[in-house]
Structure formats: C-alpha cells, structure tokens
Amino acid sequence: MATSLSDIAERAGVSIKTVSGALHGGSARMSEETRSRVKQIAEELGYVTNLAARGVRQGWLPLIGVVADELITSPFATEIIRGLDGAARTAEMAVFAMNLNGTRDVASVLEEVRRFRPRAIAYAAMYHKTVALPEELAGNVGIMINCSEANGRVTSLVPDEESAAFEITRHLLAAGRRRIAFINLPGLLAGELRERGFRKALDEAGIVPIGVVPAVRRPIYSDRAPSMVGTHVAGLMNASESPDAILCGNDRVAMEVYSALRRVGAVIPDDVAVGSFDNQVEIATRLDPPLTTMALPHRAMGRLAAEMLLSEDVVPPHTRRLPFQLISRSSV
C-alpha cells in the first residue's frame, strides 16, 4: 500500500499541511529542522512525490510560468530566472518563460502562459519599473519581479535602489572623497531613486554634489541613445573644482567614464574614484582597475519569488525591497 501524507504526518507529529509544505515547496516560514525531519521520514516510508499527477487532479502542472518583459534579452537580468529555477527545482518544479516585447501585448502572452496550466505565474522585468497590468489579468499573476504593479494589486519584489545609492555614496565618503559627481540614468525609476539616495547621503555629510548630469542625450536612458558621458567628464575635470569621485548610473556608464578620464590624463582611483551599480561581471571585473559597484539582488529576487509563489501562506499584496550588495574593488 502506498504511503500517504497522513502516514508521514502521523509519524512526524505534524499536520498534513506541514508535510505537504515540506515535500512540495510550501511555507517558507517552516523551520529547516522540521522540513528535514519530514523529508527524512518520507524517505524512510518510501513516499514517492508525484507532483504531475497531483497537479493534474488539481488543475495545474508542476510549472512556474514567467512573463519575461524583455528579461531574456539582458545578460545579467537572467540571474532572476536562475534564482527562480534553483528554488523551483528544490520543490520539484520547472520554470518556463514567454518573452514579452514591443510586438506582443501582456494579455496575449499571459494567455499563452496559462495554456500550460502552471501552478503559478510571475511577471519579471529587465529593469526596475512600474507596470500597469489590465485589471482583468492582475489576478492571474502571483508575483512581480524587478517591477511593481501600478495599482498595488500584486506582491512585488524590487531592488532597494535608494538604499544602494546611499550605501555606495557613504562608501565614497568613507574613502575621503568630498567632491562627488553623479552621471545618472535619465527617465528611469532606478535613476530617480538612486539620485534620491545619493543626495541623502551627501546631505547628511553636509556636502553639496559637484553635479548630477544625464548619461545620454535623450529623455529616457537606453544603451543605444547618444552618449554624453565623454562631454560631461571633460567638462567636470576642466572645472575650477573638479571631482575626486564619480558615481555612475550603471556599469556601462562607468566603462565610458574610465575611457573619458584616461583621455584627460586622470588616474583611477588616485585622482578620481569611480563607483557604480549593477555588477555586470563581464564589465566590472575586466575594467582596469576593477570596478567598485553595487550588485543587484536579481538571483535573490528570483529565489524568493519561487518560495512565495509555492507557499501556502496567503498574504495581502505588498512591495518588498531587497538590498544590493557592495562589491568593493580597486576603483575606490
């Protein structure tokens, strides 16, 4: 006779719900000790998990579907998928993604995802932004990753941009830098929040920024927009009070700042320290000197998203901000 969840619950002295959570990726609040004990007893009794069969009975398959808002086109934002996939595999689930771009609307992509009958659906964006989901579709999305729902109807996991900027600016100040400029990302929510944290750190230190200028000529930052980094760096370094540190809106901007500083004969970090955001490893580690930057919590967001999607706990929609990690290298 096959072992049931109730058999395991009786042996472990816990509820059937607790057993289900331990074996099928349930409550993240469960202690690791309880989870391990339940799994051990299940193994001893020869319990075989059959999520596919159980899912068919309940109307879903052991899948997490992702509406990927240009996510899979970004080499470093794919950490979100890696985090999701790792946590899903632990719960014997699989992850699949459908790309959303300018040629397809949210409704059609969501409908395509739903055809696979996933247990849960996430919406993940390439960069931090606000997304207006159609009212009739908001209930189909279990969690927003790297973005927030415009009307607050879906739980959102976003990077704590303001705190990250505050932290790296404090890091520059602790290194003795006092004349700090910020080459920011215009038109992006991340840029707005990072500037707020930058100014807050300087205000607390009683210091006025050398300047806050846009990285590109267009109102909204993109990699393809005409760059103004070289012009800004030349102007800042030729001013009567030149900066001893430049904070960059992202690592791509930092790469341009490195080149522009070298053109005017400035040495990093002796003359000018450089700090940044994102930790695009292929850029940050290969610059000379390696770049000090704030690492986005993409993998942590993906992992937490999977845990929350598979949890049996019901919580009201809210926004959770995850901290960046300061990666200190030789540019400061």
C-alpha atoms as a PDB file:
ATOM      1  CA  MET A   1       0.000   0.000   0.000  1.00  0.00           C
ATOM      2  CA  ALA A   2       1.385   3.433  -0.977  1.00  0.00           C
ATOM      3  CA  THR A   3       2.487   5.793   1.749  1.00  0.00           C
ATOM      4  CA  SER A   4       0.234   8.843   2.137  1.00  0.00           C
ATOM      5  CA  LEU A   5       0.805  12.325   3.510  1.00  0.00           C
ATOM      6  CA  SER A   6      -1.261  11.397   6.561  1.00  0.00           C
ATOM      7  CA  ASP A   7       1.091   8.466   7.276  1.00  0.00           C
ATOM      8  CA  ILE A   8       4.055  10.838   7.284  1.00  0.00           C
ATOM      9  CA  ALA A   9       2.175  13.438   9.349  1.00  0.00           C
ATOM     10  CA  GLU A  10       1.293  10.845  11.996  1.00  0.00           C
ATOM     11  CA  ARG A  11       4.892   9.637  12.273  1.00  0.00           C
ATOM     12  CA  ALA A  12       6.307  13.188  12.370  1.00  0.00           C
ATOM     13  CA  GLY A  13       3.681  14.538  14.758  1.00  0.00           C
ATOM     14  CA  VAL A  14       2.769  17.435  12.478  1.00  0.00           C
ATOM     15  CA  SER A  15      -0.191  18.408  10.313  1.00  0.00           C
ATOM     16  CA  ILE A  16      -0.776  17.150   6.774  1.00  0.00           C
ATOM     17  CA  LYS A  17      -0.441  20.759   5.620  1.00  0.00           C
ATOM     18  CA  THR A  18       3.047  20.914   7.135  1.00  0.00           C
ATOM     19  CA  VAL A  19       4.029  17.668   5.408  1.00  0.00           C
ATOM     20  CA  SER A  20       2.720  18.968   2.083  1.00  0.00           C
ATOM     21  CA  GLY A  21       4.647  22.192   2.530  1.00  0.00           C
ATOM     22  CA  ALA A  22       7.886  20.375   3.359  1.00  0.00           C
ATOM     23  CA  LEU A  23       7.650  17.978   0.417  1.00  0.00           C
ATOM     24  CA  HIS A  24       6.079  20.208  -2.211  1.00  0.00           C
ATOM     25  CA  GLY A  25       7.724  23.567  -1.686  1.00  0.00           C
ATOM     26  CA  GLY A  26       5.219  25.075   0.704  1.00  0.00           C
ATOM     27  CA  SER A  27       5.543  27.569   3.536  1.00  0.00           C
ATOM     28  CA  ALA A  28       8.840  29.417   3.598  1.00  0.00           C
ATOM     29  CA  ARG A  29       8.251  30.074   7.302  1.00  0.00           C
ATOM     30  CA  MET A  30       8.770  26.427   8.198  1.00  0.00           C
ATOM     31  CA  SER A  31      11.959  25.726  10.124  1.00  0.00           C
ATOM     32  CA  GLU A  32      14.673  23.814   8.281  1.00  0.00           C
ATOM     33  CA  GLU A  33      14.710  21.285  11.114  1.00  0.00           C
ATOM     34  CA  THR A  34      11.020  20.441  10.571  1.00  0.00           C
ATOM     35  CA  ARG A  35      11.429  20.348   6.804  1.00  0.00           C
ATOM     36  CA  SER A  36      14.419  17.994   7.040  1.00  0.00           C
ATOM     37  CA  ARG A  37      12.681  15.703   9.557  1.00  0.00           C
ATOM     38  CA  VAL A  38       9.575  15.391   7.371  1.00  0.00           C
ATOM     39  CA  LYS A  39      11.674  14.618   4.284  1.00  0.00           C
ATOM     40  CA  GLN A  40      13.670  12.013   6.183  1.00  0.00           C
ATOM     41  CA  ILE A  41      10.514  10.253   7.411  1.00  0.00           C
ATOM     42  CA  ALA A  42       9.022  10.372   3.918  1.00  0.00           C
ATOM     43  CA  GLU A  43      12.142   8.691   2.564  1.00  0.00           C
ATOM     44  CA  GLU A  44      12.073   6.032   5.292  1.00  0.00           C
ATOM     45  CA  LEU A  45       8.435   5.223   4.497  1.00  0.00           C
ATOM     46  CA  GLY A  46       9.114   5.103   0.760  1.00  0.00           C
ATOM     47  CA  TYR A  47       6.891   8.048  -0.139  1.00  0.00           C
ATOM     48  CA  VAL A  48       7.127   8.999  -3.801  1.00  0.00           C
ATOM     49  CA  THR A  49       6.192  12.537  -4.777  1.00  0.00           C
ATOM     50  CA  ASN A  50       4.154  12.730  -7.938  1.00  0.00           C
ATOM     51  CA  LEU A  51       3.591  16.408  -8.478  1.00  0.00           C
ATOM     52  CA  ALA A  52       2.472  15.917 -12.047  1.00  0.00           C
ATOM     53  CA  ALA A  53      -0.324  13.534 -11.058  1.00  0.00           C
ATOM     54  CA  ARG A  54      -1.339  15.701  -8.125  1.00  0.00           C
ATOM     55  CA  GLY A  55      -1.266  18.800 -10.290  1.00  0.00           C
ATOM     56  CA  VAL A  56      -3.479  17.232 -12.957  1.00  0.00           C
ATOM     57  CA  ARG A  57      -6.044  16.404 -10.280  1.00  0.00           C
ATOM     58  CA  GLN A  58      -5.934  19.976  -9.011  1.00  0.00           C
ATOM     59  CA  GLY A  59      -5.861  21.555 -12.460  1.00  0.00           C
ATOM     60  CA  TRP A  60      -2.193  22.539 -12.703  1.00  0.00           C
ATOM     61  CA  LEU A  61       1.172  21.113 -13.748  1.00  0.00           C
ATOM     62  CA  PRO A  62       4.434  21.345 -11.743  1.00  0.00           C
ATOM     63  CA  LEU A  63       5.480  24.506 -13.568  1.00  0.00           C
ATOM     64  CA  ILE A  64       6.117  28.151 -12.797  1.00  0.00           C
ATOM     65  CA  GLY A  65       5.374  30.325 -15.808  1.00  0.00           C
ATOM     66  CA  VAL A  66       7.179  33.632 -16.305  1.00  0.00           C
ATOM     67  CA  VAL A  67       6.042  36.548 -18.398  1.00  0.00           C
ATOM     68  CA  ALA A  68       9.511  37.872 -19.261  1.00  0.00           C
ATOM     69  CA  ASP A  69       9.270  41.581 -20.029  1.00  0.00           C
ATOM     70  CA  GLU A  70      12.372  41.735 -22.292  1.00  0.00           C
ATOM     71  CA  LEU A  71      14.179  39.892 -19.491  1.00  0.00           C
ATOM     72  CA  ILE A  72      15.793  37.198 -21.600  1.00  0.00           C
ATOM     73  CA  THR A  73      17.492  39.837 -23.764  1.00  0.00           C
ATOM     74  CA  SER A  74      19.501  41.114 -20.778  1.00  0.00           C
ATOM     75  CA  PRO A  75      22.679  39.141 -19.974  1.00  0.00           C
ATOM     76  CA  PHE A  76      22.713  39.978 -16.254  1.00  0.00           C
ATOM     77  CA  ALA A  77      18.959  40.125 -15.537  1.00  0.00           C
ATOM     78  CA  THR A  78      18.780  36.405 -16.389  1.00  0.00           C
ATOM     79  CA  GLU A  79      20.003  35.897 -12.801  1.00  0.00           C
ATOM     80  CA  ILE A  80      16.318  36.279 -11.919  1.00  0.00           C
ATOM     81  CA  ILE A  81      15.499  33.152 -13.932  1.00  0.00           C
ATOM     82  CA  ARG A  82      18.436  31.291 -12.386  1.00  0.00           C
ATOM     83  CA  GLY A  83      17.183  32.136  -8.898  1.00  0.00           C
ATOM     84  CA  LEU A  84      13.658  31.071  -9.792  1.00  0.00           C
ATOM     85  CA  ASP A  85      14.820  27.852 -11.390  1.00  0.00           C
ATOM     86  CA  GLY A  86      17.053  26.844  -8.483  1.00  0.00           C
ATOM     87  CA  ALA A  87      14.282  27.268  -5.905  1.00  0.00           C
ATOM     88  CA  ALA A  88      11.720  25.617  -8.195  1.00  0.00           C
ATOM     89  CA  ARG A  89      13.890  22.541  -8.728  1.00  0.00           C
ATOM     90  CA  THR A  90      14.171  22.118  -4.958  1.00  0.00           C
ATOM     91  CA  ALA A  91      10.365  21.913  -4.936  1.00  0.00           C
ATOM     92  CA  GLU A  92      10.393  19.505  -7.939  1.00  0.00           C
ATOM     93  CA  MET A  93       9.036  22.201 -10.229  1.00  0.00           C
ATOM     94  CA  ALA A  94      10.237  23.520 -13.575  1.00  0.00           C
ATOM     95  CA  VAL A  95      10.321  27.094 -14.884  1.00  0.00           C
ATOM     96  CA  PHE A  96       9.442  28.275 -18.368  1.00  0.00           C
ATOM     97  CA  ALA A  97       9.375  31.799 -19.765  1.00  0.00           C
ATOM     98  CA  MET A  98       7.466  33.571 -22.520  1.00  0.00           C
ATOM     99  CA  ASN A  99       9.043  36.744 -23.827  1.00  0.00           C
ATOM    100  CA  LEU A 100       7.055  39.987 -23.848  1.00  0.00           C
ATOM    101  CA  ASN A 101       8.311  42.682 -26.220  1.00  0.00           C
ATOM    102  CA  GLY A 102       7.018  45.533 -28.300  1.00  0.00           C
ATOM    103  CA  THR A 103       5.260  43.256 -30.790  1.00  0.00           C
ATOM    104  CA  ARG A 104       3.138  41.370 -28.229  1.00  0.00           C
ATOM    105  CA  ASP A 105       0.792  42.642 -25.527  1.00  0.00           C
ATOM    106  CA  VAL A 106       0.523  41.404 -21.945  1.00  0.00           C
ATOM    107  CA  ALA A 107      -2.861  39.757 -22.479  1.00  0.00           C
ATOM    108  CA  SER A 108      -1.689  37.524 -25.337  1.00  0.00           C
ATOM    109  CA  VAL A 109       1.493  36.449 -23.542  1.00  0.00           C
ATOM    110  CA  LEU A 110      -0.367  35.715 -20.313  1.00  0.00           C
ATOM    111  CA  GLU A 111      -2.902  33.638 -22.223  1.00  0.00           C
ATOM    112  CA  GLU A 112      -0.075  31.681 -23.836  1.00  0.00           C
ATOM    113  CA  VAL A 113       1.497  31.023 -20.431  1.00  0.00           C
ATOM    114  CA  ARG A 114      -1.834  29.915 -18.941  1.00  0.00           C
ATOM    115  CA  ARG A 115      -2.280  27.273 -21.670  1.00  0.00           C
ATOM    116  CA  PHE A 116       0.467  25.272 -19.983  1.00  0.00           C
ATOM    117  CA  ARG A 117      -1.562  25.234 -16.731  1.00  0.00           C
ATOM    118  CA  PRO A 118       1.319  26.294 -14.452  1.00  0.00           C
ATOM    119  CA  ARG A 119       0.878  26.204 -10.708  1.00  0.00           C
ATOM    120  CA  ALA A 120       1.854  29.880 -10.554  1.00  0.00           C
ATOM    121  CA  ILE A 121       2.757  32.793 -12.831  1.00  0.00           C
ATOM    122  CA  ALA A 122       5.351  35.506 -12.262  1.00  0.00           C
ATOM    123  CA  TYR A 123       5.926  38.727 -14.202  1.00  0.00           C
ATOM    124  CA  ALA A 124       9.623  39.667 -14.421  1.00  0.00           C
ATOM    125  CA  ALA A 125      11.074  42.817 -15.990  1.00  0.00           C
ATOM    126  CA  MET A 126      14.500  43.549 -17.434  1.00  0.00           C
ATOM    127  CA  TYR A 127      14.823  46.744 -15.405  1.00  0.00           C
ATOM    128  CA  HIS A 128      13.091  48.236 -12.363  1.00  0.00           C
ATOM    129  CA  LYS A 129       9.856  49.875 -13.454  1.00  0.00           C
ATOM    130  CA  THR A 130       6.132  50.190 -12.795  1.00  0.00           C
ATOM    131  CA  VAL A 131       3.817  48.003 -14.892  1.00  0.00           C
ATOM    132  CA  ALA A 132       0.093  48.639 -15.417  1.00  0.00           C
ATOM    133  CA  LEU A 133      -1.493  45.204 -15.738  1.00  0.00           C
ATOM    134  CA  PRO A 134      -5.011  45.086 -17.193  1.00  0.00           C
ATOM    135  CA  GLU A 135      -7.452  44.823 -14.282  1.00  0.00           C
ATOM    136  CA  GLU A 136      -8.921  41.562 -15.530  1.00  0.00           C
ATOM    137  CA  LEU A 137      -5.447  39.972 -15.714  1.00  0.00           C
ATOM    138  CA  ALA A 138      -3.874  41.150 -12.451  1.00  0.00           C
ATOM    139  CA  GLY A 139      -5.368  38.191 -10.579  1.00  0.00           C
ATOM    140  CA  ASN A 140      -3.522  35.738 -12.848  1.00  0.00           C
ATOM    141  CA  VAL A 141      -0.079  36.990 -11.781  1.00  0.00           C
ATOM    142  CA  GLY A 142       1.175  35.720  -8.435  1.00  0.00           C
ATOM    143  CA  ILE A 143       4.187  37.998  -8.082  1.00  0.00           C
ATOM    144  CA  MET A 144       6.027  40.829  -9.845  1.00  0.00           C
ATOM    145  CA  ILE A 145       9.834  40.589 -10.016  1.00  0.00           C
ATOM    146  CA  ASN A 146      12.080  43.621 -10.577  1.00  0.00           C
ATOM    147  CA  CYS A 147       8.949  45.703 -11.117  1.00  0.00           C
ATOM    148  CA  SER A 148       5.791  46.741  -9.311  1.00  0.00           C
ATOM    149  CA  GLU A 149       2.147  46.679 -10.345  1.00  0.00           C
ATOM    150  CA  ALA A 150       0.848  50.207 -10.880  1.00  0.00           C
ATOM    151  CA  ASN A 151      -2.247  49.745  -8.724  1.00  0.00           C
ATOM    152  CA  GLY A 152      -0.661  47.681  -5.954  1.00  0.00           C
ATOM    153  CA  ARG A 153      -2.763  44.596  -6.726  1.00  0.00           C
ATOM    154  CA  VAL A 154       0.164  42.147  -6.934  1.00  0.00           C
ATOM    155  CA  THR A 155       3.001  41.477  -4.478  1.00  0.00           C
ATOM    156  CA  SER A 156       6.212  42.965  -5.873  1.00  0.00           C
ATOM    157  CA  LEU A 157       9.897  42.217  -5.280  1.00  0.00           C
ATOM    158  CA  VAL A 158      12.113  45.151  -6.268  1.00  0.00           C
ATOM    159  CA  PRO A 159      15.727  46.213  -5.672  1.00  0.00           C
ATOM    160  CA  ASP A 160      16.200  48.828  -2.953  1.00  0.00           C
ATOM    161  CA  GLU A 161      17.680  51.463  -5.272  1.00  0.00           C
ATOM    162  CA  GLU A 162      17.650  54.366  -2.813  1.00  0.00           C
ATOM    163  CA  SER A 163      19.431  52.456  -0.058  1.00  0.00           C
ATOM    164  CA  ALA A 164      22.007  51.165  -2.552  1.00  0.00           C
ATOM    165  CA  ALA A 165      22.873  54.693  -3.689  1.00  0.00           C
ATOM    166  CA  PHE A 166      23.029  55.843  -0.080  1.00  0.00           C
ATOM    167  CA  GLU A 167      25.424  52.995   0.764  1.00  0.00           C
ATOM    168  CA  ILE A 168      27.842  53.452  -2.128  1.00  0.00           C
ATOM    169  CA  THR A 169      27.900  57.234  -1.634  1.00  0.00           C
ATOM    170  CA  ARG A 170      28.753  56.653   2.033  1.00  0.00           C
ATOM    171  CA  HIS A 171      31.494  54.293   0.823  1.00  0.00           C
ATOM    172  CA  LEU A 172      32.975  57.063  -1.329  1.00  0.00           C
ATOM    173  CA  LEU A 173      32.777  59.483   1.588  1.00  0.00           C
ATOM    174  CA  ALA A 174      34.475  56.968   3.895  1.00  0.00           C
ATOM    175  CA  ALA A 175      37.312  56.771   1.362  1.00  0.00           C
ATOM    176  CA  GLY A 176      37.880  60.509   1.861  1.00  0.00           C
ATOM    177  CA  ARG A 177      36.134  61.725  -1.272  1.00  0.00           C
ATOM    178  CA  ARG A 178      34.307  65.031  -0.922  1.00  0.00           C
ATOM    179  CA  ARG A 179      33.822  66.341  -4.456  1.00  0.00           C
ATOM    180  CA  ILE A 180      31.422  63.806  -5.934  1.00  0.00           C
ATOM    181  CA  ALA A 181      29.550  63.966  -9.242  1.00  0.00           C
ATOM    182  CA  PHE A 182      26.802  61.616 -10.404  1.00  0.00           C
ATOM    183  CA  ILE A 183      26.301  60.640 -14.062  1.00  0.00           C
ATOM    184  CA  ASN A 184      22.799  59.216 -13.815  1.00  0.00           C
ATOM    185  CA  LEU A 185      20.225  57.381 -15.969  1.00  0.00           C
ATOM    186  CA  PRO A 186      17.549  59.877 -17.096  1.00  0.00           C
ATOM    187  CA  GLY A 187      13.896  58.905 -17.273  1.00  0.00           C
ATOM    188  CA  LEU A 188      14.248  55.627 -15.344  1.00  0.00           C
ATOM    189  CA  LEU A 189      12.730  54.847 -11.952  1.00  0.00           C
ATOM    190  CA  ALA A 190      16.052  53.371 -10.848  1.00  0.00           C
ATOM    191  CA  GLY A 191      17.810  56.630 -11.711  1.00  0.00           C
ATOM    192  CA  GLU A 192      15.288  58.690  -9.784  1.00  0.00           C
ATOM    193  CA  LEU A 193      15.590  56.537  -6.664  1.00  0.00           C
ATOM    194  CA  ARG A 194      19.378  56.326  -6.875  1.00  0.00           C
ATOM    195  CA  GLU A 195      19.669  60.094  -7.118  1.00  0.00           C
ATOM    196  CA  ARG A 196      17.493  60.396  -4.021  1.00  0.00           C
ATOM    197  CA  GLY A 197      19.812  58.091  -2.058  1.00  0.00           C
ATOM    198  CA  PHE A 198      22.907  59.882  -3.396  1.00  0.00           C
ATOM    199  CA  ARG A 199      21.637  63.291  -2.308  1.00  0.00           C
ATOM    200  CA  LYS A 200      20.511  61.960   1.068  1.00  0.00           C
ATOM    201  CA  ALA A 201      24.000  60.629   1.864  1.00  0.00           C
ATOM    202  CA  LEU A 202      25.643  63.910   0.846  1.00  0.00           C
ATOM    203  CA  ASP A 203      23.088  65.977   2.774  1.00  0.00           C
ATOM    204  CA  GLU A 204      23.803  64.005   5.928  1.00  0.00           C
ATOM    205  CA  ALA A 205      27.529  64.662   5.430  1.00  0.00           C
ATOM    206  CA  GLY A 206      26.900  68.351   4.790  1.00  0.00           C
ATOM    207  CA  ILE A 207      28.322  68.153   1.278  1.00  0.00           C
ATOM    208  CA  VAL A 208      26.958  69.596  -1.977  1.00  0.00           C
ATOM    209  CA  PRO A 209      27.350  67.401  -5.091  1.00  0.00           C
ATOM    210  CA  ILE A 210      29.682  68.665  -7.815  1.00  0.00           C
ATOM    211  CA  GLY A 211      26.866  67.910 -10.244  1.00  0.00           C
ATOM    212  CA  VAL A 212      24.186  65.438 -11.298  1.00  0.00           C
ATOM    213  CA  VAL A 213      24.099  65.030 -15.080  1.00  0.00           C
ATOM    214  CA  PRO A 214      22.408  62.619 -17.546  1.00  0.00           C
ATOM    215  CA  ALA A 215      24.406  59.858 -19.229  1.00  0.00           C
ATOM    216  CA  VAL A 216      22.603  60.238 -22.571  1.00  0.00           C
ATOM    217  CA  ARG A 217      21.129  62.990 -24.719  1.00  0.00           C
ATOM    218  CA  ARG A 218      17.606  61.550 -24.784  1.00  0.00           C
ATOM    219  CA  PRO A 219      14.978  61.960 -22.033  1.00  0.00           C
ATOM    220  CA  ILE A 220      14.987  58.210 -21.280  1.00  0.00           C
ATOM    221  CA  TYR A 221      18.180  56.210 -20.887  1.00  0.00           C
ATOM    222  CA  SER A 222      18.969  53.329 -23.220  1.00  0.00           C
ATOM    223  CA  ASP A 223      22.205  51.717 -24.373  1.00  0.00           C
ATOM    224  CA  ARG A 224      21.504  52.960 -27.909  1.00  0.00           C
ATOM    225  CA  ALA A 225      20.903  56.619 -27.031  1.00  0.00           C
ATOM    226  CA  PRO A 226      23.663  59.127 -27.926  1.00  0.00           C
ATOM    227  CA  SER A 227      26.101  59.258 -25.012  1.00  0.00           C
ATOM    228  CA  MET A 228      27.025  62.469 -23.197  1.00  0.00           C
ATOM    229  CA  VAL A 229      29.463  60.803 -20.792  1.00  0.00           C
ATOM    230  CA  GLY A 230      32.656  61.964 -22.520  1.00  0.00           C
ATOM    231  CA  THR A 231      31.416  65.554 -22.755  1.00  0.00           C
ATOM    232  CA  HIS A 232      30.349  65.605 -19.103  1.00  0.00           C
ATOM    233  CA  VAL A 233      33.609  64.113 -17.825  1.00  0.00           C
ATOM    234  CA  ALA A 234      35.686  66.592 -19.831  1.00  0.00           C
ATOM    235  CA  GLY A 235      33.600  69.489 -18.504  1.00  0.00           C
ATOM    236  CA  LEU A 236      33.752  68.278 -14.903  1.00  0.00           C
ATOM    237  CA  MET A 237      37.523  67.729 -14.992  1.00  0.00           C
ATOM    238  CA  ASN A 238      38.156  71.162 -16.562  1.00  0.00           C
ATOM    239  CA  ALA A 239      36.045  72.990 -13.980  1.00  0.00           C
ATOM    240  CA  SER A 240      37.658  75.070 -11.237  1.00  0.00           C
ATOM    241  CA  GLU A 241      36.536  72.450  -8.721  1.00  0.00           C
ATOM    242  CA  SER A 242      36.955  69.064 -10.384  1.00  0.00           C
ATOM    243  CA  PRO A 243      35.514  65.892  -8.852  1.00  0.00           C
ATOM    244  CA  ASP A 244      37.557  63.439  -6.820  1.00  0.00           C
ATOM    245  CA  ALA A 245      34.848  60.797  -7.317  1.00  0.00           C
ATOM    246  CA  ILE A 246      32.248  59.999  -9.981  1.00  0.00           C
ATOM    247  CA  LEU A 247      29.236  57.803  -9.270  1.00  0.00           C
ATOM    248  CA  CYS A 248      27.860  56.154 -12.410  1.00  0.00           C
ATOM    249  CA  GLY A 249      24.271  55.154 -13.157  1.00  0.00           C
ATOM    250  CA  ASN A 250      25.370  51.669 -14.221  1.00  0.00           C
ATOM    251  CA  ASP A 251      28.470  49.713 -15.189  1.00  0.00           C
ATOM    252  CA  ARG A 252      28.162  50.589 -18.883  1.00  0.00           C
ATOM    253  CA  VAL A 253      28.308  54.273 -17.968  1.00  0.00           C
ATOM    254  CA  ALA A 254      31.294  53.513 -15.728  1.00  0.00           C
ATOM    255  CA  MET A 255      33.104  51.910 -18.658  1.00  0.00           C
ATOM    256  CA  GLU A 256      32.676  55.151 -20.609  1.00  0.00           C
ATOM    257  CA  VAL A 257      33.810  57.190 -17.597  1.00  0.00           C
ATOM    258  CA  TYR A 258      37.030  55.153 -17.424  1.00  0.00           C
ATOM    259  CA  SER A 259      37.823  55.976 -21.064  1.00  0.00           C
ATOM    260  CA  ALA A 260      36.924  59.643 -20.667  1.00  0.00           C
ATOM    261  CA  LEU A 261      39.086  60.035 -17.546  1.00  0.00           C
ATOM    262  CA  ARG A 262      42.047  58.476 -19.309  1.00  0.00           C
ATOM    263  CA  ARG A 263      41.626  60.902 -22.231  1.00  0.00           C
ATOM    264  CA  VAL A 264      42.084  63.830 -19.833  1.00  0.00           C
ATOM    265  CA  GLY A 265      45.024  62.162 -18.069  1.00  0.00           C
ATOM    266  CA  ALA A 266      43.242  61.312 -14.783  1.00  0.00           C
ATOM    267  CA  VAL A 267      44.264  58.172 -12.882  1.00  0.00           C
ATOM    268  CA  ILE A 268      41.692  55.892 -11.192  1.00  0.00           C
ATOM    269  CA  PRO A 269      41.469  55.919  -8.182  1.00  0.00           C
ATOM    270  CA  ASP A 270      44.412  58.211  -7.371  1.00  0.00           C
ATOM    271  CA  ASP A 271      42.841  61.276  -8.966  1.00  0.00           C
ATOM    272  CA  VAL A 272      39.217  60.170  -9.278  1.00  0.00           C
ATOM    273  CA  ALA A 273      37.413  57.262  -7.632  1.00  0.00           C
ATOM    274  CA  VAL A 274      34.645  55.578  -9.627  1.00  0.00           C
ATOM    275  CA  GLY A 275      31.603  53.790  -8.219  1.00  0.00           C
ATOM    276  CA  SER A 276      28.651  52.240  -9.990  1.00  0.00           C
ATOM    277  CA  PHE A 277      25.570  49.999  -9.899  1.00  0.00           C
ATOM    278  CA  ASP A 278      24.570  46.563 -11.273  1.00  0.00           C
ATOM    279  CA  ASN A 279      27.790  44.467 -11.069  1.00  0.00           C
ATOM    280  CA  GLN A 280      27.773  43.325 -14.667  1.00  0.00           C
ATOM    281  CA  VAL A 281      30.647  40.963 -14.010  1.00  0.00           C
ATOM    282  CA  GLU A 282      31.952  40.869 -17.576  1.00  0.00           C
ATOM    283  CA  ILE A 283      32.392  44.648 -17.368  1.00  0.00           C
ATOM    284  CA  ALA A 284      33.174  45.292 -13.698  1.00  0.00           C
ATOM    285  CA  THR A 285      35.920  42.696 -13.312  1.00  0.00           C
ATOM    286  CA  ARG A 286      37.643  43.437 -16.632  1.00  0.00           C
ATOM    287  CA  LEU A 287      37.992  47.173 -16.239  1.00  0.00           C
ATOM    288  CA  ASP A 288      41.402  48.382 -15.105  1.00  0.00           C
ATOM    289  CA  PRO A 289      41.278  48.839 -12.172  1.00  0.00           C
ATOM    290  CA  PRO A 290      38.307  46.533 -11.404  1.00  0.00           C
ATOM    291  CA  LEU A 291      35.136  48.467 -10.640  1.00  0.00           C
ATOM    292  CA  THR A 292      33.544  49.018  -7.234  1.00  0.00           C
ATOM    293  CA  THR A 293      29.821  48.585  -7.769  1.00  0.00           C
ATOM    294  CA  MET A 294      26.518  47.680  -6.118  1.00  0.00           C
ATOM    295  CA  ALA A 295      25.358  44.190  -7.139  1.00  0.00           C
ATOM    296  CA  LEU A 296      21.676  43.934  -7.993  1.00  0.00           C
ATOM    297  CA  PRO A 297      19.775  41.306  -5.955  1.00  0.00           C
ATOM    298  CA  HIS A 298      18.421  39.577  -9.052  1.00  0.00           C
ATOM    299  CA  ARG A 299      19.125  35.998  -8.036  1.00  0.00           C
ATOM    300  CA  ALA A 300      17.776  36.597  -4.529  1.00  0.00           C
ATOM    301  CA  MET A 301      14.598  38.091  -6.050  1.00  0.00           C
ATOM    302  CA  GLY A 302      14.106  35.029  -8.246  1.00  0.00           C
ATOM    303  CA  ARG A 303      14.693  32.611  -5.392  1.00  0.00           C
ATOM    304  CA  LEU A 304      12.354  34.443  -3.024  1.00  0.00           C
ATOM    305  CA  ALA A 305       9.715  34.752  -5.751  1.00  0.00           C
ATOM    306  CA  ALA A 306       9.626  30.970  -6.226  1.00  0.00           C
ATOM    307  CA  GLU A 307       9.364  30.385  -2.470  1.00  0.00           C
ATOM    308  CA  MET A 308       6.492  32.859  -2.166  1.00  0.00           C
ATOM    309  CA  LEU A 309       4.666  31.520  -5.234  1.00  0.00           C
ATOM    310  CA  LEU A 310       4.795  27.962  -3.886  1.00  0.00           C
ATOM    311  CA  SER A 311       3.956  28.893  -0.317  1.00  0.00           C
ATOM    312  CA  GLU A 312       0.548  28.021   1.054  1.00  0.00           C
ATOM    313  CA  ASP A 313       0.547  31.204   3.141  1.00  0.00           C
ATOM    314  CA  VAL A 314      -1.807  33.889   1.856  1.00  0.00           C
ATOM    315  CA  VAL A 315      -0.557  37.427   2.367  1.00  0.00           C
ATOM    316  CA  PRO A 316      -2.026  40.700   1.065  1.00  0.00           C
ATOM    317  CA  PRO A 317      -0.273  42.388  -1.887  1.00  0.00           C
ATOM    318  CA  HIS A 318       2.752  44.400  -0.792  1.00  0.00           C
ATOM    319  CA  THR A 319       6.107  45.645  -2.073  1.00  0.00           C
ATOM    320  CA  ARG A 320       9.303  44.126  -0.716  1.00  0.00           C
ATOM    321  CA  ARG A 321      12.615  45.874  -1.352  1.00  0.00           C
ATOM    322  CA  LEU A 322      15.706  43.689  -1.466  1.00  0.00           C
ATOM    323  CA  PRO A 323      19.162  45.069  -0.652  1.00  0.00           C
ATOM    324  CA  PHE A 324      22.027  45.357  -3.107  1.00  0.00           C
ATOM    325  CA  GLN A 325      25.488  44.074  -2.137  1.00  0.00           C
ATOM    326  CA  LEU A 326      28.501  46.383  -2.192  1.00  0.00           C
ATOM    327  CA  ILE A 327      31.275  44.766  -4.264  1.00  0.00           C
ATOM    328  CA  SER A 328      34.410  46.650  -3.270  1.00  0.00           C
ATOM    329  CA  ARG A 329      37.170  46.544  -5.881  1.00  0.00           C
ATOM    330  CA  SER A 330      40.106  48.794  -6.747  1.00  0.00           C
ATOM    331  CA  SER A 331      38.362  51.808  -8.332  1.00  0.00           C
ATOM    332  CA  VAL A 332      37.761  53.485  -4.942  1.00  0.00           C
END
